[in-house]
Amino acid sequence: MVAAMVRRFLFLGVAVLPLLLLGCKGSCRQLSEKLCDCQVTTAAKTACLQRVASEETRIGPKAEDNAVCQQFLQSCDCHLIDTYEGKKACGLARKRPGD
């Protein structure tokens, strides 16, 4: 009986763990992945996502960084990234004189 309960908890833990890990991505990681979504090919998207994961590990964004990225998650549209407005909506634009 105890062995059956242990197996059940182990199975539940293995099933739930990936769901918990999905929620652990910071806002900067989510924003970067959103930008990767517009890559033309699957290979380019995969390479972009790998760079994102590698850079996140290397840099380790702080809470302040994620707060800034959070501001752009809703407005960022990678299909508009070639325009100034698109870059601005994703937090990638340099300020123009008069902005």
PDB file of N, CA and C in Angstrom:
ATOM      1  N   MET A   1       0.815  -1.187   0.000  1.00  0.00           N
ATOM      2  CA  MET A   1       0.000   0.000   0.000  1.00  0.00           C
ATOM      3  C   MET A   1       0.872   1.270   0.000  1.00  0.00           C
ATOM      4  N   VAL A   2       1.895   1.288   0.817  1.00  0.00           N
ATOM      5  CA  VAL A   2       2.798   2.435   0.873  1.00  0.00           C
ATOM      6  C   VAL A   2       3.527   2.575  -0.460  1.00  0.00           C
ATOM      7  N   ALA A   3       3.940   1.469  -1.040  1.00  0.00           N
ATOM      8  CA  ALA A   3       4.635   1.512  -2.323  1.00  0.00           C
ATOM      9  C   ALA A   3       3.738   2.098  -3.409  1.00  0.00           C
ATOM     10  N   ALA A   4       2.463   1.773  -3.394  1.00  0.00           N
ATOM     11  CA  ALA A   4       1.525   2.312  -4.376  1.00  0.00           C
ATOM     12  C   ALA A   4       1.377   3.819  -4.203  1.00  0.00           C
ATOM     13  N   MET A   5       1.334   4.287  -2.955  1.00  0.00           N
ATOM     14  CA  MET A   5       1.223   5.728  -2.703  1.00  0.00           C
ATOM     15  C   MET A   5       2.482   6.451  -3.153  1.00  0.00           C
ATOM     16  N   VAL A   6       3.637   5.858  -2.903  1.00  0.00           N
ATOM     17  CA  VAL A   6       4.903   6.465  -3.317  1.00  0.00           C
ATOM     18  C   VAL A   6       4.950   6.566  -4.836  1.00  0.00           C
ATOM     19  N   ARG A   7       4.542   5.507  -5.521  1.00  0.00           N
ATOM     20  CA  ARG A   7       4.520   5.530  -6.990  1.00  0.00           C
ATOM     21  C   ARG A   7       3.571   6.600  -7.499  1.00  0.00           C
ATOM     22  N   ARG A   8       2.422   6.739  -6.860  1.00  0.00           N
ATOM     23  CA  ARG A   8       1.445   7.736  -7.281  1.00  0.00           C
ATOM     24  C   ARG A   8       2.026   9.143  -7.117  1.00  0.00           C
ATOM     25  N   PHE A   9       2.655   9.421  -5.982  1.00  0.00           N
ATOM     26  CA  PHE A   9       3.245  10.736  -5.757  1.00  0.00           C
ATOM     27  C   PHE A   9       4.403  10.988  -6.720  1.00  0.00           C
ATOM     28  N   LEU A  10       5.195   9.966  -6.982  1.00  0.00           N
ATOM     29  CA  LEU A  10       6.303  10.099  -7.917  1.00  0.00           C
ATOM     30  C   LEU A  10       5.778  10.403  -9.312  1.00  0.00           C
ATOM     31  N   PHE A  11       4.757   9.676  -9.734  1.00  0.00           N
ATOM     32  CA  PHE A  11       4.165   9.908 -11.055  1.00  0.00           C
ATOM     33  C   PHE A  11       3.594  11.319 -11.133  1.00  0.00           C
ATOM     34  N   LEU A  12       2.899  11.740 -10.091  1.00  0.00           N
ATOM     35  CA  LEU A  12       2.312  13.071 -10.054  1.00  0.00           C
ATOM     36  C   LEU A  12       3.397  14.141 -10.128  1.00  0.00           C
ATOM     37  N   GLY A  13       4.472  13.926  -9.393  1.00  0.00           N
ATOM     38  CA  GLY A  13       5.582  14.878  -9.406  1.00  0.00           C
ATOM     39  C   GLY A  13       6.211  15.000 -10.778  1.00  0.00           C
ATOM     40  N   VAL A  14       6.408  13.883 -11.450  1.00  0.00           N
ATOM     41  CA  VAL A  14       7.004  13.889 -12.781  1.00  0.00           C
ATOM     42  C   VAL A  14       6.057  14.554 -13.776  1.00  0.00           C
ATOM     43  N   ALA A  15       4.767  14.350 -13.619  1.00  0.00           N
ATOM     44  CA  ALA A  15       3.788  14.932 -14.530  1.00  0.00           C
ATOM     45  C   ALA A  15       3.640  16.444 -14.320  1.00  0.00           C
ATOM     46  N   VAL A  16       3.749  16.914 -13.105  1.00  0.00           N
ATOM     47  CA  VAL A  16       3.523  18.321 -12.791  1.00  0.00           C
ATOM     48  C   VAL A  16       4.780  19.164 -12.959  1.00  0.00           C
ATOM     49  N   LEU A  17       5.945  18.589 -12.803  1.00  0.00           N
ATOM     50  CA  LEU A  17       7.196  19.344 -12.864  1.00  0.00           C
ATOM     51  C   LEU A  17       7.346  20.161 -14.147  1.00  0.00           C
ATOM     52  N   PRO A  18       7.124  19.606 -15.339  1.00  0.00           N
ATOM     53  CA  PRO A  18       7.262  20.439 -16.540  1.00  0.00           C
ATOM     54  C   PRO A  18       6.308  21.630 -16.553  1.00  0.00           C
ATOM     55  N   LEU A  19       5.126  21.459 -16.021  1.00  0.00           N
ATOM     56  CA  LEU A  19       4.175  22.569 -15.964  1.00  0.00           C
ATOM     57  C   LEU A  19       4.678  23.666 -15.041  1.00  0.00           C
ATOM     58  N   LEU A  20       5.281  23.296 -13.949  1.00  0.00           N
ATOM     59  CA  LEU A  20       5.825  24.283 -13.024  1.00  0.00           C
ATOM     60  C   LEU A  20       7.001  25.025 -13.645  1.00  0.00           C
ATOM     61  N   LEU A  21       7.822  24.305 -14.387  1.00  0.00           N
ATOM     62  CA  LEU A  21       8.989  24.928 -15.003  1.00  0.00           C
ATOM     63  C   LEU A  21       8.594  25.930 -16.077  1.00  0.00           C
ATOM     64  N   LEU A  22       7.472  25.696 -16.756  1.00  0.00           N
ATOM     65  CA  LEU A  22       7.014  26.635 -17.768  1.00  0.00           C
ATOM     66  C   LEU A  22       6.715  27.995 -17.154  1.00  0.00           C
ATOM     67  N   GLY A  23       6.206  27.995 -15.964  1.00  0.00           N
ATOM     68  CA  GLY A  23       5.863  29.235 -15.300  1.00  0.00           C
ATOM     69  C   GLY A  23       7.066  29.953 -14.713  1.00  0.00           C
ATOM     70  N   CYS A  24       8.239  29.368 -14.795  1.00  0.00           N
ATOM     71  CA  CYS A  24       9.431  29.944 -14.178  1.00  0.00           C
ATOM     72  C   CYS A  24      10.204  30.879 -15.099  1.00  0.00           C
ATOM     73  N   LYS A  25       9.773  31.027 -16.331  1.00  0.00           N
ATOM     74  CA  LYS A  25      10.492  31.901 -17.247  1.00  0.00           C
ATOM     75  C   LYS A  25      10.235  33.348 -16.868  1.00  0.00           C
ATOM     76  N   GLY A  26      11.302  34.105 -16.846  1.00  0.00           N
ATOM     77  CA  GLY A  26      11.181  35.518 -16.540  1.00  0.00           C
ATOM     78  C   GLY A  26      10.625  36.288 -17.731  1.00  0.00           C
ATOM     79  N   SER A  27      10.274  37.524 -17.484  1.00  0.00           N
ATOM     80  CA  SER A  27       9.697  38.369 -18.532  1.00  0.00           C
ATOM     81  C   SER A  27      10.682  38.606 -19.679  1.00  0.00           C
ATOM     82  N   CYS A  28      11.960  38.750 -19.365  1.00  0.00           N
ATOM     83  CA  CYS A  28      12.951  38.960 -20.423  1.00  0.00           C
ATOM     84  C   CYS A  28      13.082  37.732 -21.305  1.00  0.00           C
ATOM     85  N   ARG A  29      13.030  36.566 -20.704  1.00  0.00           N
ATOM     86  CA  ARG A  29      13.080  35.332 -21.491  1.00  0.00           C
ATOM     87  C   ARG A  29      11.850  35.227 -22.381  1.00  0.00           C
ATOM     88  N   GLN A  30      10.688  35.532 -21.833  1.00  0.00           N
ATOM     89  CA  GLN A  30       9.454  35.475 -22.612  1.00  0.00           C
ATOM     90  C   GLN A  30       9.477  36.473 -23.765  1.00  0.00           C
ATOM     91  N   LEU A  31       9.982  37.675 -23.516  1.00  0.00           N
ATOM     92  CA  LEU A  31      10.067  38.690 -24.559  1.00  0.00           C
ATOM     93  C   LEU A  31      11.028  38.246 -25.659  1.00  0.00           C
ATOM     94  N   SER A  32      12.154  37.695 -25.279  1.00  0.00           N
ATOM     95  CA  SER A  32      13.127  37.209 -26.262  1.00  0.00           C
ATOM     96  C   SER A  32      12.544  36.079 -27.093  1.00  0.00           C
ATOM     97  N   GLU A  33      11.841  35.161 -26.443  1.00  0.00           N
ATOM     98  CA  GLU A  33      11.225  34.059 -27.177  1.00  0.00           C
ATOM     99  C   GLU A  33      10.144  34.561 -28.124  1.00  0.00           C
ATOM    100  N   LYS A  34       9.438  35.614 -27.713  1.00  0.00           N
ATOM    101  CA  LYS A  34       8.417  36.214 -28.570  1.00  0.00           C
ATOM    102  C   LYS A  34       9.063  36.750 -29.845  1.00  0.00           C
ATOM    103  N   LEU A  35      10.239  37.347 -29.717  1.00  0.00           N
ATOM    104  CA  LEU A  35      10.954  37.856 -30.883  1.00  0.00           C
ATOM    105  C   LEU A  35      11.458  36.718 -31.768  1.00  0.00           C
ATOM    106  N   CYS A  36      11.797  35.598 -31.173  1.00  0.00           N
ATOM    107  CA  CYS A  36      12.243  34.433 -31.947  1.00  0.00           C
ATOM    108  C   CYS A  36      11.111  33.845 -32.790  1.00  0.00           C
ATOM    109  N   ASP A  37       9.877  34.068 -32.375  1.00  0.00           N
ATOM    110  CA  ASP A  37       8.738  33.502 -33.092  1.00  0.00           C
ATOM    111  C   ASP A  37       8.643  33.970 -34.535  1.00  0.00           C
ATOM    112  N   CYS A  38       9.235  35.096 -34.865  1.00  0.00           N
ATOM    113  CA  CYS A  38       9.146  35.612 -36.229  1.00  0.00           C
ATOM    114  C   CYS A  38      10.306  35.165 -37.131  1.00  0.00           C
ATOM    115  N   GLN A  39      11.123  34.279 -36.655  1.00  0.00           N
ATOM    116  CA  GLN A  39      12.191  33.766 -37.517  1.00  0.00           C
ATOM    117  C   GLN A  39      11.559  33.044 -38.711  1.00  0.00           C
ATOM    118  N   VAL A  40      12.199  33.158 -39.859  1.00  0.00           N
ATOM    119  CA  VAL A  40      11.625  32.662 -41.107  1.00  0.00           C
ATOM    120  C   VAL A  40      11.558  31.139 -41.159  1.00  0.00           C
ATOM    121  N   THR A  41      12.590  30.481 -40.674  1.00  0.00           N
ATOM    122  CA  THR A  41      12.624  29.014 -40.748  1.00  0.00           C
ATOM    123  C   THR A  41      12.611  28.401 -39.351  1.00  0.00           C
ATOM    124  N   THR A  42      12.249  27.152 -39.311  1.00  0.00           N
ATOM    125  CA  THR A  42      12.261  26.427 -38.047  1.00  0.00           C
ATOM    126  C   THR A  42      13.672  26.358 -37.479  1.00  0.00           C
ATOM    127  N   ALA A  43      14.647  26.161 -38.348  1.00  0.00           N
ATOM    128  CA  ALA A  43      16.044  26.084 -37.898  1.00  0.00           C
ATOM    129  C   ALA A  43      16.487  27.417 -37.287  1.00  0.00           C
ATOM    130  N   ALA A  44      16.097  28.517 -37.915  1.00  0.00           N
ATOM    131  CA  ALA A  44      16.462  29.835 -37.398  1.00  0.00           C
ATOM    132  C   ALA A  44      15.780  30.088 -36.057  1.00  0.00           C
ATOM    133  N   LYS A  45      14.527  29.674 -35.944  1.00  0.00           N
ATOM    134  CA  LYS A  45      13.805  29.854 -34.682  1.00  0.00           C
ATOM    135  C   LYS A  45      14.453  29.027 -33.579  1.00  0.00           C
ATOM    136  N   THR A  46      14.800  27.785 -33.891  1.00  0.00           N
ATOM    137  CA  THR A  46      15.455  26.914 -32.912  1.00  0.00           C
ATOM    138  C   THR A  46      16.784  27.515 -32.466  1.00  0.00           C
ATOM    139  N   ALA A  47      17.571  28.009 -33.416  1.00  0.00           N
ATOM    140  CA  ALA A  47      18.858  28.631 -33.087  1.00  0.00           C
ATOM    141  C   ALA A  47      18.643  29.873 -32.221  1.00  0.00           C
ATOM    142  N   CYS A  48      17.624  30.654 -32.542  1.00  0.00           N
ATOM    143  CA  CYS A  48      17.316  31.856 -31.765  1.00  0.00           C
ATOM    144  C   CYS A  48      16.956  31.475 -30.331  1.00  0.00           C
ATOM    145  N   LEU A  49      16.110  30.478 -30.175  1.00  0.00           N
ATOM    146  CA  LEU A  49      15.699  30.039 -28.834  1.00  0.00           C
ATOM    147  C   LEU A  49      16.882  29.497 -28.034  1.00  0.00           C
ATOM    148  N   GLN A  50      17.808  28.832 -28.718  1.00  0.00           N
ATOM    149  CA  GLN A  50      19.003  28.326 -28.034  1.00  0.00           C
ATOM    150  C   GLN A  50      19.887  29.472 -27.574  1.00  0.00           C
ATOM    151  N   ARG A  51      20.007  30.522 -28.410  1.00  0.00           N
ATOM    152  CA  ARG A  51      20.793  31.705 -28.019  1.00  0.00           C
ATOM    153  C   ARG A  51      20.144  32.400 -26.819  1.00  0.00           C
ATOM    154  N   VAL A  52      18.823  32.472 -26.848  1.00  0.00           N
ATOM    155  CA  VAL A  52      18.093  33.103 -25.742  1.00  0.00           C
ATOM    156  C   VAL A  52      18.380  32.364 -24.437  1.00  0.00           C
ATOM    157  N   ALA A  53      18.279  31.043 -24.468  1.00  0.00           N
ATOM    158  CA  ALA A  53      18.517  30.241 -23.262  1.00  0.00           C
ATOM    159  C   ALA A  53      19.958  30.403 -22.787  1.00  0.00           C
ATOM    160  N   SER A  54      20.883  30.400 -23.730  1.00  0.00           N
ATOM    161  CA  SER A  54      22.303  30.537 -23.389  1.00  0.00           C
ATOM    162  C   SER A  54      22.594  31.904 -22.772  1.00  0.00           C
ATOM    163  N   GLU A  55      22.045  32.951 -23.363  1.00  0.00           N
ATOM    164  CA  GLU A  55      22.279  34.299 -22.844  1.00  0.00           C
ATOM    165  C   GLU A  55      21.627  34.489 -21.480  1.00  0.00           C
ATOM    166  N   GLU A  56      20.451  33.903 -21.290  1.00  0.00           N
ATOM    167  CA  GLU A  56      19.806  34.026 -19.987  1.00  0.00           C
ATOM    168  C   GLU A  56      20.669  33.386 -18.904  1.00  0.00           C
ATOM    169  N   THR A  57      21.255  32.255 -19.214  1.00  0.00           N
ATOM    170  CA  THR A  57      22.133  31.574 -18.267  1.00  0.00           C
ATOM    171  C   THR A  57      23.387  32.401 -18.011  1.00  0.00           C
ATOM    172  N   ARG A  58      23.941  32.975 -19.076  1.00  0.00           N
ATOM    173  CA  ARG A  58      25.174  33.754 -18.971  1.00  0.00           C
ATOM    174  C   ARG A  58      24.960  35.057 -18.206  1.00  0.00           C
ATOM    175  N   ILE A  59      23.873  35.757 -18.520  1.00  0.00           N
ATOM    176  CA  ILE A  59      23.646  37.077 -17.942  1.00  0.00           C
ATOM    177  C   ILE A  59      22.879  37.015 -16.631  1.00  0.00           C
ATOM    178  N   GLY A  60      21.867  36.160 -16.560  1.00  0.00           N
ATOM    179  CA  GLY A  60      21.050  36.060 -15.353  1.00  0.00           C
ATOM    180  C   GLY A  60      20.322  37.346 -15.039  1.00  0.00           C
ATOM    181  N   PRO A  61      19.248  37.658 -15.794  1.00  0.00           N
ATOM    182  CA  PRO A  61      18.524  38.910 -15.571  1.00  0.00           C
ATOM    183  C   PRO A  61      18.060  39.062 -14.123  1.00  0.00           C
ATOM    184  N   LYS A  62      18.135  40.275 -13.637  1.00  0.00           N
ATOM    185  CA  LYS A  62      17.704  40.588 -12.269  1.00  0.00           C
ATOM    186  C   LYS A  62      16.218  40.946 -12.272  1.00  0.00           C
ATOM    187  N   ALA A  63      15.655  41.092 -11.107  1.00  0.00           N
ATOM    188  CA  ALA A  63      14.231  41.432 -10.972  1.00  0.00           C
ATOM    189  C   ALA A  63      13.925  42.759 -11.679  1.00  0.00           C
ATOM    190  N   GLU A  64      14.845  43.713 -11.595  1.00  0.00           N
ATOM    191  CA  GLU A  64      14.643  45.010 -12.254  1.00  0.00           C
ATOM    192  C   GLU A  64      14.581  44.837 -13.769  1.00  0.00           C
ATOM    193  N   ASP A  65      15.457  43.974 -14.306  1.00  0.00           N
ATOM    194  CA  ASP A  65      15.465  43.705 -15.749  1.00  0.00           C
ATOM    195  C   ASP A  65      14.128  43.107 -16.175  1.00  0.00           C
ATOM    196  N   ASN A  66      13.650  42.137 -15.415  1.00  0.00           N
ATOM    197  CA  ASN A  66      12.387  41.493 -15.751  1.00  0.00           C
ATOM    198  C   ASN A  66      11.209  42.457 -15.638  1.00  0.00           C
ATOM    199  N   ALA A  67      11.301  43.410 -14.723  1.00  0.00           N
ATOM    200  CA  ALA A  67      10.234  44.411 -14.601  1.00  0.00           C
ATOM    201  C   ALA A  67      10.178  45.279 -15.856  1.00  0.00           C
ATOM    202  N   VAL A  68      11.345  45.640 -16.384  1.00  0.00           N
ATOM    203  CA  VAL A  68      11.390  46.433 -17.618  1.00  0.00           C
ATOM    204  C   VAL A  68      10.844  45.613 -18.786  1.00  0.00           C
ATOM    205  N   CYS A  69      11.276  44.378 -18.897  1.00  0.00           N
ATOM    206  CA  CYS A  69      10.810  43.513 -19.991  1.00  0.00           C
ATOM    207  C   CYS A  69       9.300  43.288 -19.915  1.00  0.00           C
ATOM    208  N   GLN A  70       8.775  43.204 -18.706  1.00  0.00           N
ATOM    209  CA  GLN A  70       7.339  42.991 -18.515  1.00  0.00           C
ATOM    210  C   GLN A  70       6.526  44.100 -19.180  1.00  0.00           C
ATOM    211  N   GLN A  71       7.063  45.317 -19.166  1.00  0.00           N
ATOM    212  CA  GLN A  71       6.365  46.459 -19.771  1.00  0.00           C
ATOM    213  C   GLN A  71       6.158  46.282 -21.269  1.00  0.00           C
ATOM    214  N   PHE A  72       7.030  45.502 -21.911  1.00  0.00           N
ATOM    215  CA  PHE A  72       6.979  45.367 -23.364  1.00  0.00           C
ATOM    216  C   PHE A  72       6.319  44.071 -23.841  1.00  0.00           C
ATOM    217  N   LEU A  73       6.027  43.169 -22.943  1.00  0.00           N
ATOM    218  CA  LEU A  73       5.468  41.874 -23.352  1.00  0.00           C
ATOM    219  C   LEU A  73       4.165  42.011 -24.138  1.00  0.00           C
ATOM    220  N   GLN A  74       3.265  42.852 -23.695  1.00  0.00           N
ATOM    221  CA  GLN A  74       1.973  42.990 -24.370  1.00  0.00           C
ATOM    222  C   GLN A  74       2.082  43.767 -25.680  1.00  0.00           C
ATOM    223  N   SER A  75       2.915  44.785 -25.718  1.00  0.00           N
ATOM    224  CA  SER A  75       2.971  45.659 -26.895  1.00  0.00           C
ATOM    225  C   SER A  75       3.884  45.145 -28.000  1.00  0.00           C
ATOM    226  N   CYS A  76       4.815  44.291 -27.682  1.00  0.00           N
ATOM    227  CA  CYS A  76       5.802  43.834 -28.663  1.00  0.00           C
ATOM    228  C   CYS A  76       5.170  42.900 -29.696  1.00  0.00           C
ATOM    229  N   ASP A  77       5.372  43.240 -30.958  1.00  0.00           N
ATOM    230  CA  ASP A  77       4.910  42.412 -32.079  1.00  0.00           C
ATOM    231  C   ASP A  77       6.088  42.250 -33.026  1.00  0.00           C
ATOM    232  N   CYS A  78       6.619  41.065 -33.084  1.00  0.00           N
ATOM    233  CA  CYS A  78       7.836  40.854 -33.880  1.00  0.00           C
ATOM    234  C   CYS A  78       7.608  41.109 -35.370  1.00  0.00           C
ATOM    235  N   HIS A  79       6.357  41.116 -35.817  1.00  0.00           N
ATOM    236  CA  HIS A  79       6.079  41.390 -37.230  1.00  0.00           C
ATOM    237  C   HIS A  79       6.311  42.861 -37.581  1.00  0.00           C
ATOM    238  N   LEU A  80       6.387  43.703 -36.575  1.00  0.00           N
ATOM    239  CA  LEU A  80       6.596  45.139 -36.797  1.00  0.00           C
ATOM    240  C   LEU A  80       7.997  45.589 -36.416  1.00  0.00           C
ATOM    241  N   ILE A  81       8.886  44.647 -36.151  1.00  0.00           N
ATOM    242  CA  ILE A  81      10.204  44.957 -35.602  1.00  0.00           C
ATOM    243  C   ILE A  81      11.080  45.760 -36.567  1.00  0.00           C
ATOM    244  N   ASP A  82      10.728  45.778 -37.856  1.00  0.00           N
ATOM    245  CA  ASP A  82      11.521  46.535 -38.828  1.00  0.00           C
ATOM    246  C   ASP A  82      11.164  48.020 -38.842  1.00  0.00           C
ATOM    247  N   THR A  83      10.165  48.412 -38.064  1.00  0.00           N
ATOM    248  CA  THR A  83       9.779  49.814 -37.995  1.00  0.00           C
ATOM    249  C   THR A  83      10.242  50.407 -36.666  1.00  0.00           C
ATOM    250  N   TYR A  84      10.356  51.738 -36.636  1.00  0.00           N
ATOM    251  CA  TYR A  84      10.739  52.395 -35.388  1.00  0.00           C
ATOM    252  C   TYR A  84       9.700  52.114 -34.310  1.00  0.00           C
ATOM    253  N   GLU A  85       8.419  52.200 -34.677  1.00  0.00           N
ATOM    254  CA  GLU A  85       7.349  51.969 -33.720  1.00  0.00           C
ATOM    255  C   GLU A  85       7.399  50.535 -33.176  1.00  0.00           C
ATOM    256  N   GLY A  86       7.700  49.586 -34.052  1.00  0.00           N
ATOM    257  CA  GLY A  86       7.816  48.187 -33.635  1.00  0.00           C
ATOM    258  C   GLY A  86       8.980  47.977 -32.684  1.00  0.00           C
ATOM    259  N   LYS A  87      10.095  48.586 -32.996  1.00  0.00           N
ATOM    260  CA  LYS A  87      11.264  48.499 -32.107  1.00  0.00           C
ATOM    261  C   LYS A  87      10.952  49.139 -30.755  1.00  0.00           C
ATOM    262  N   LYS A  88      10.279  50.286 -30.788  1.00  0.00           N
ATOM    263  CA  LYS A  88       9.920  50.986 -29.563  1.00  0.00           C
ATOM    264  C   LYS A  88       8.972  50.126 -28.719  1.00  0.00           C
ATOM    265  N   ALA A  89       8.019  49.460 -29.362  1.00  0.00           N
ATOM    266  CA  ALA A  89       7.049  48.626 -28.648  1.00  0.00           C
ATOM    267  C   ALA A  89       7.712  47.407 -28.004  1.00  0.00           C
ATOM    268  N   CYS A  90       8.871  47.016 -28.531  1.00  0.00           N
ATOM    269  CA  CYS A  90       9.591  45.859 -27.974  1.00  0.00           C
ATOM    270  C   CYS A  90      10.755  46.279 -27.067  1.00  0.00           C
ATOM    271  N   GLY A  91      10.943  47.574 -26.903  1.00  0.00           N
ATOM    272  CA  GLY A  91      12.016  48.050 -26.035  1.00  0.00           C
ATOM    273  C   GLY A  91      13.380  48.027 -26.701  1.00  0.00           C
ATOM    274  N   LEU A  92      13.417  48.047 -28.023  1.00  0.00           N
ATOM    275  CA  LEU A  92      14.683  47.943 -28.742  1.00  0.00           C
ATOM    276  C   LEU A  92      15.103  49.236 -29.434  1.00  0.00           C
ATOM    277  N   ALA A  93      14.248  50.258 -29.412  1.00  0.00           N
ATOM    278  CA  ALA A  93      14.528  51.493 -30.149  1.00  0.00           C
ATOM    279  C   ALA A  93      15.378  52.451 -29.334  1.00  0.00           C
ATOM    280  N   ARG A  94      16.249  53.127 -30.029  1.00  0.00           N
ATOM    281  CA  ARG A  94      16.962  54.242 -29.412  1.00  0.00           C
ATOM    282  C   ARG A  94      16.039  55.444 -29.509  1.00  0.00           C
ATOM    283  N   LYS A  95      16.162  56.321 -28.560  1.00  0.00           N
ATOM    284  CA  LYS A  95      15.300  57.508 -28.570  1.00  0.00           C
ATOM    285  C   LYS A  95      15.681  58.418 -29.728  1.00  0.00           C
ATOM    286  N   ARG A  96      14.646  58.896 -30.391  1.00  0.00           N
ATOM    287  CA  ARG A  96      14.831  59.895 -31.442  1.00  0.00           C
ATOM    288  C   ARG A  96      14.877  61.266 -30.770  1.00  0.00           C
ATOM    289  N   PRO A  97      15.532  62.210 -31.407  1.00  0.00           N
ATOM    290  CA  PRO A  97      15.469  63.563 -30.868  1.00  0.00           C
ATOM    291  C   PRO A  97      14.005  64.013 -30.815  1.00  0.00           C
ATOM    292  N   GLY A  98      13.583  64.519 -29.702  1.00  0.00           N
ATOM    293  CA  GLY A  98      12.207  64.981 -29.546  1.00  0.00           C
ATOM    294  C   GLY A  98      11.282  63.939 -28.947  1.00  0.00           C
ATOM    295  N   ASP A  99      11.738  62.706 -28.734  1.00  0.00           N
ATOM    296  CA  ASP A  99      10.896  61.662 -28.112  1.00  0.00           C
ATOM    297  C   ASP A  99      10.924  61.776 -26.610  1.00  0.00           C
TER     298      ASP A  99
END
